[in-house]
């Protein structure tokens, strides 16, 4: 069981730590540190594992707090004599404690250490006082003491005896000296200022060498312990012949001072004694008498002069004062003694020592100002001003350091952290004493700041624009968006997503896809400028934090047109079952407007700019076509020699690269009356029937010949079919027959492809390959329609033959408006 002398505590938590004998409560408030001070008293030489005290009970802590707080003992550079049992909350002895080895003759003897707990940080100082037990007997450094005393020694002469040494203290220390009974000497005891005792033999009866030339005595030293212990030394006295004057010091106490670390040979002081005798009996020698410990290695005295100087290392931190006894002895053996008190003056020779008691790294970047980062302990072995310490850190750092307990400092944050600005800090703590010159030491702490997901991804631009040429390949990479995140690791890992929006009622994912890791946008389908000209979508960049942060950006895709549509001729309408012919009177003058070729191109820009050329005509000298407006006019006066039936082939060509074109056949009847026209077009019908028969046989013959090569040409035909499908401009476009506007219309602008006086509707379908154009009918018409029931679809001009190309086929003519 531990012997508990008393327990003293001071506690920040406004509670009293239990005391066994007496309680002293200090309340200290500083930042986040809670502290208590407890004092225990135990005897020395206790066995390992012996109980010192119940720390948990005395501090008011439960066992769980000790375990969770990782309670531990911090002793610095000292030996750890105790051990904390966190499972029981008790303090036990871990090393044998020898009070004499620990403290020497210093009383009271104690050692201190700290118990630190974390989360939150608590700091408790424990002081253990070691009580002395009588485990040492007084002992003399030598077994025999030799004296040579002249028989002429006068009564009252004093002879200093060897002092016994007892490492114990108080009652257990040396208490008394006893001298064996004799007739010549009595024992006289003295006490030094430090409490130690020494003895002198005082001559009470003159010696008679002739009667007793040799005396043997015993000096016994006893302590006050229970049981009492003692030590003995033999005193052998040789009686010399007459020397009746002893040396005498001129001072009973000499005082001097010396600086610590003084070099060897440094002079301290000189002692002086005189002897009334003459000759050899008056010659005095000086000696140190009864030096303790290592003093014999620190000082030296000149035997002849009595000069005392430094011979060893003087350390103020070990001994602040030395007391030595000097003996003066003449040749006759007579002596005198004096005391020399040497004060050691402190110099600033010890730099502060910094010990880190607790250090938390990393610290979260969202830690509030005032968060405790580290607790440090600073010690300086010097005294007074030389031991006064000031701790500081770089003022440019967002930290501050304050003193909490004696020699303890707390390092805490002064402002909030931002890992993106400063991910780590090198904090140099400098401890400086107040000596002259001041000494300092530094300790650098490397503090890392852990990341918090406090930054959303940021795109390079507020809005992105990209251009994509139509007819692209599905899956093609068309654009890349990029975002950056200032956070770190998982919090900075960005994923790209498409927001769930719709384009013309269709999810955006059917048009565009995005690589979630790289931000590369891919076209899901081939775009058609004629269907959709612009795509607007929203890309979201989301990090991998918890909770995740995100930001959005708009991406505008502009579809660029390609010249992938050939012009479409809207008028005149070409069908296989009917024939439309324009009638020109023979009285028509130069510049007479015969008709106008109306065409459109589904492309845009210069790809839709159309030009008209007369490719072929029955009489090239009679007609011309307007390059820009497609108007067919006469270029000379019509006369009677001109043929009634005129066929013109007009090529409509766009301005794309490469350009695309369409052809249209225009039938013109030069006549003043309808009967004349009927007779001419009847011949056309007979020619057509003849041509139809001829074509049939030619096709049949071609099929027979082709059959011989069908096996070899399968692949070639397949490729041709595929290319033909790709190159089609309009697939099965169902365009209604557009009525002809009378020749006598007002040409107010005269330059565009379609005059502004035309009214039309464009009906677009979800398939860009089909469209309908419907024109309003004029109030009057002067048009020959070969088949009144014809409302058929207009096919591409390149792939069909006009009925007028077969002059010998029969012609069915229907007349309207008469």
Foldseek 3Di string as FASTA:
>chain_A
DFAFDWWEKEWQVPDAQDMDPDYDYDHFDDFQEIEMEIEGEGAAQDDFFAFGFQQCRRVVHDLVQCVQQVKDKAQDPDDDQWGADSNRRTITGHDGGDQCVQPFADPFGKGKIWIWGVPPTYIYIYIYTYAYALPWAWEFPDAEAEAEAALLEDFFAKAWDGFTFGRTYDQSGWDDKDKDDDDFWDKDKDADPVGGITIITTGHDGDDCVVPQKDKMKMKIWGRHVVIHIYIHIYIYGYHHDDYWAKAWPDQEAEWEDEFPDDFPAWTDATDIFTPDDDQQGQKFKDWPNDDDCVVQFWDAHGRTRTITGRDGGDCLVPQKDKIKMWIATPSRHIDIHIYIYGYDYALPWAKDKAWPDADAAAALQDAFSAWGTKIFIFTSTDDQSTAKDKDKDPVAQWGKDARDVRMITITGNHGGDCLVPQKDWIKMKMWTRGVVIHIDIDIDIHGYAWALPWAWDWPDQAAEFEAEFPDDFFDFGDATDTFTSTDDQSTQKFKDWDFDDDPNHTCVCAWDAHGRGRTITGRDGDACLQPFKDKTKMKIWGRHVVIHIDIHIYMYGYAYALQAAKDWQPPFFDDAKDKAFEDELQDAAFQFRAFTFIFTSTDDQSTQKFKFWDDKPDPQFWGAHGFARTITGHGRRHPPDAQWMKIKMKIWTRGVVIHIFIDIHIYGHHDDVVVVVVQQQQQAQLLAVVVVVVVVVVVVVVVVVVVCCVVCVVVVVVVVVVVVSRANADQAQEWRAAGDASPDDDPPPGHHDDPVWDWDWADDSDSRYIYIYTDDDPDHDMWMQDVVDGGGGGTRVPDDGSSVRRRRGGRGDDPDD
